[in-house]
């Protein structure tokens, strides 16, 4: 069975409309804006990486009120292998000229966890949106802050 590109696009458009119709039923973590603001104040870069299309990611970020705090969005329409492959995460790590050991990935899906772990970054599993809190992020910041930071080419970037 072969599906034309036009039919695929029609399906994706209908899926997006359905997502928007259901969006008000999604429970968003009320601390996300505080978390992102704290991270930006500390000088961190923030990326959103999803197997969803970039337009979905942007809609969610807009609803969370943090669109100005995210440095890069990477979706499944970015031209990279999607999760469980680590390519999307590796792209972001390279984009920021960072070392995986200086990156923390918060991930909530099984295939996302596999991708994150394969990127060799530090991975925090989030089971529900309530697992991510400002208190947790501050604790991770304090732990990370006690290490030296190096770019991928080995230069100290502190």
Protein backbone atom coordinates (compact mmCIF):
# COMPACT_ATOMS: atom_id res chain seq x y z
CA UNK A 1 0.00 0.00 0.00
CA UNK A 2 1.45 3.32 -1.06
CA UNK A 3 0.19 6.65 0.16
CA UNK A 4 0.80 9.80 -1.83
CA UNK A 5 2.59 12.76 -0.29
CA UNK A 6 -0.61 14.81 -0.67
CA UNK A 7 -2.61 12.25 1.35
CA UNK A 8 0.09 12.20 4.03
CA UNK A 9 -0.07 16.01 4.31
CA UNK A 10 -3.88 15.93 4.51
CA UNK A 11 -3.67 13.36 7.31
CA UNK A 12 -1.08 15.41 9.22
CA UNK A 13 -3.20 18.55 8.85
CA UNK A 14 -6.25 16.73 10.26
CA UNK A 15 -4.13 15.33 13.09
CA UNK A 16 -2.91 18.85 13.92
CA UNK A 17 -6.47 20.23 13.95
CA UNK A 18 -7.51 17.37 16.24
CA UNK A 19 -4.57 18.13 18.55
CA UNK A 20 -5.55 21.79 18.76
CA UNK A 21 -9.15 20.84 19.54
CA UNK A 22 -7.97 18.69 22.47
CA UNK A 23 -5.27 21.06 23.66
CA UNK A 24 -7.36 22.63 26.41
CA UNK A 25 -7.70 19.17 28.01
CA UNK A 26 -3.94 18.79 28.49
CA UNK A 27 -2.66 19.48 32.00
CA UNK A 28 0.46 21.61 31.83
CA UNK A 29 3.01 21.75 34.61
CA UNK A 30 2.51 25.17 36.25
CA UNK A 31 6.21 25.34 37.23
CA UNK A 32 7.57 25.12 33.67
CA UNK A 33 7.82 28.89 33.21
CA UNK A 34 9.63 29.26 36.55
CA UNK A 35 11.96 26.38 35.66
CA UNK A 36 12.83 27.80 32.24
CA UNK A 37 13.31 31.29 33.69
CA UNK A 38 15.64 29.95 36.39
CA UNK A 39 17.66 28.01 33.81
CA UNK A 40 18.03 31.05 31.55
CA UNK A 41 19.05 33.24 34.52
CA UNK A 42 21.79 30.69 35.27
CA UNK A 43 23.03 30.87 31.67
CA UNK A 44 21.74 27.52 30.44
CA UNK A 45 20.66 26.87 26.87
CA UNK A 46 17.25 25.25 26.41
CA UNK A 47 16.19 23.00 23.56
CA UNK A 48 12.90 21.24 22.95
CA UNK A 49 13.35 17.91 21.18
CA UNK A 50 10.31 15.90 20.17
CA UNK A 51 9.19 13.22 17.76
CA UNK A 52 6.29 15.56 17.05
CA UNK A 53 6.40 18.12 14.25
CA UNK A 54 7.95 21.50 15.03
CA UNK A 55 4.57 23.25 14.70
CA UNK A 56 3.18 21.09 17.56
CA UNK A 57 6.17 21.84 19.74
CA UNK A 58 5.82 25.57 19.10
CA UNK A 59 2.11 25.44 20.04
CA UNK A 60 2.87 23.70 23.33
CA UNK A 61 5.69 26.13 24.14
CA UNK A 62 3.39 29.04 23.35
CA UNK A 63 0.73 27.64 25.69
CA UNK A 64 3.33 27.22 28.43
CA UNK A 65 4.35 30.85 27.97
CA UNK A 66 8.03 30.06 27.48
CA UNK A 67 8.56 30.52 23.74
CA UNK A 68 11.05 33.34 24.31
CA UNK A 69 13.11 31.13 26.62
CA UNK A 70 13.74 28.22 24.23
CA UNK A 71 16.88 28.48 22.10
CA UNK A 72 16.03 25.78 19.55
CA UNK A 73 13.13 23.49 18.65
CA UNK A 74 13.87 20.15 16.97
CA UNK A 75 10.94 18.12 15.66
CA UNK A 76 10.50 15.04 13.51
CA UNK A 77 10.35 17.25 10.42
CA UNK A 78 13.91 18.50 11.01
CA UNK A 79 15.49 15.95 8.67
CA UNK A 80 17.16 13.86 11.37
CA UNK A 81 16.55 10.29 12.49
CA UNK A 82 13.88 10.39 15.17
CA UNK A 83 13.93 8.84 18.62
CA UNK A 84 14.97 6.16 19.64
CA UNK A 85 17.99 7.22 17.54
CA UNK A 86 20.09 9.81 19.41
CA UNK A 87 20.51 12.02 16.30
CA UNK A 88 18.09 14.74 17.44
CA UNK A 89 19.84 15.05 20.81
CA UNK A 90 23.29 14.85 19.24
CA UNK A 91 22.32 17.65 16.86
CA UNK A 92 21.35 19.90 19.78
CA UNK A 93 24.53 19.05 21.70
CA UNK A 94 26.59 19.96 18.61
CA UNK A 95 24.47 23.08 17.99
CA UNK A 96 25.39 24.35 21.45
CA UNK A 97 29.03 23.23 21.00
CA UNK A 98 28.66 21.29 24.24
CA UNK A 99 29.92 18.02 25.59
CA UNK A 100 27.22 15.42 26.34
CA UNK A 101 28.49 15.18 29.92
CA UNK A 102 27.57 18.86 30.41
CA UNK A 103 24.02 18.38 29.18
CA UNK A 104 20.94 17.28 31.09
CA UNK A 105 17.99 15.81 29.24
CA UNK A 106 14.59 15.54 30.89
CA UNK A 107 12.64 12.81 29.09
CA UNK A 108 9.19 11.34 29.57
CA UNK A 109 8.89 8.57 26.98
CA UNK A 110 10.53 5.15 26.65
CA UNK A 111 11.87 5.77 23.15
CA UNK A 112 12.99 9.24 24.22
CA UNK A 113 14.87 7.76 27.18
CA UNK A 114 16.65 5.36 24.86
CA UNK A 115 17.64 8.21 22.53
CA UNK A 116 18.76 10.42 25.42
CA UNK A 117 20.88 7.66 26.96
CA UNK A 118 22.45 6.86 23.59
CA UNK A 119 23.47 10.54 23.27
CA UNK A 120 25.67 10.03 26.38
CA UNK A 121 24.18 13.11 28.09
CA UNK A 122 22.92 13.07 31.67
CA UNK A 123 19.32 11.84 31.62
CA UNK A 124 16.52 12.48 34.10
CA UNK A 125 13.39 10.36 33.61
CA UNK A 126 10.14 12.25 34.05
CA UNK A 127 7.13 9.96 34.50
CA UNK A 128 4.49 12.67 34.78
CA UNK A 129 4.53 16.41 34.31
CA UNK A 130 4.46 16.74 38.12
CA UNK A 131 7.87 15.01 38.41
CA UNK A 132 9.60 18.09 37.03
CA UNK A 133 9.87 20.80 39.67
CA UNK A 134 11.88 23.94 40.24
CA UNK A 135 13.30 22.31 43.37
CA UNK A 136 14.61 19.36 41.32
CA UNK A 137 16.12 21.66 38.69
CA UNK A 138 17.84 23.78 41.34
CA UNK A 139 19.29 20.63 42.95
CA UNK A 140 20.62 19.44 39.60
CA UNK A 141 22.06 22.91 38.95
CA UNK A 142 23.92 22.83 42.27
CA UNK A 143 25.34 19.39 41.48
CA UNK A 144 26.32 20.37 37.92
CA UNK A 145 27.77 23.67 39.12
CA UNK A 146 30.39 21.80 41.13
CA UNK A 147 31.99 20.43 37.93
CA UNK A 148 34.10 22.10 35.27
CA UNK A 149 32.39 22.53 31.92
CA UNK A 150 34.11 21.64 28.68
CA UNK A 151 33.14 22.09 25.06
CA UNK A 152 33.30 19.11 22.71
CA UNK A 153 36.83 20.07 21.64
CA UNK A 154 38.02 19.97 25.28
CA UNK A 155 38.23 23.72 25.98
CA UNK A 156 37.17 24.78 29.46
CA UNK A 157 34.14 27.05 29.00
CA UNK A 158 33.57 28.16 32.60
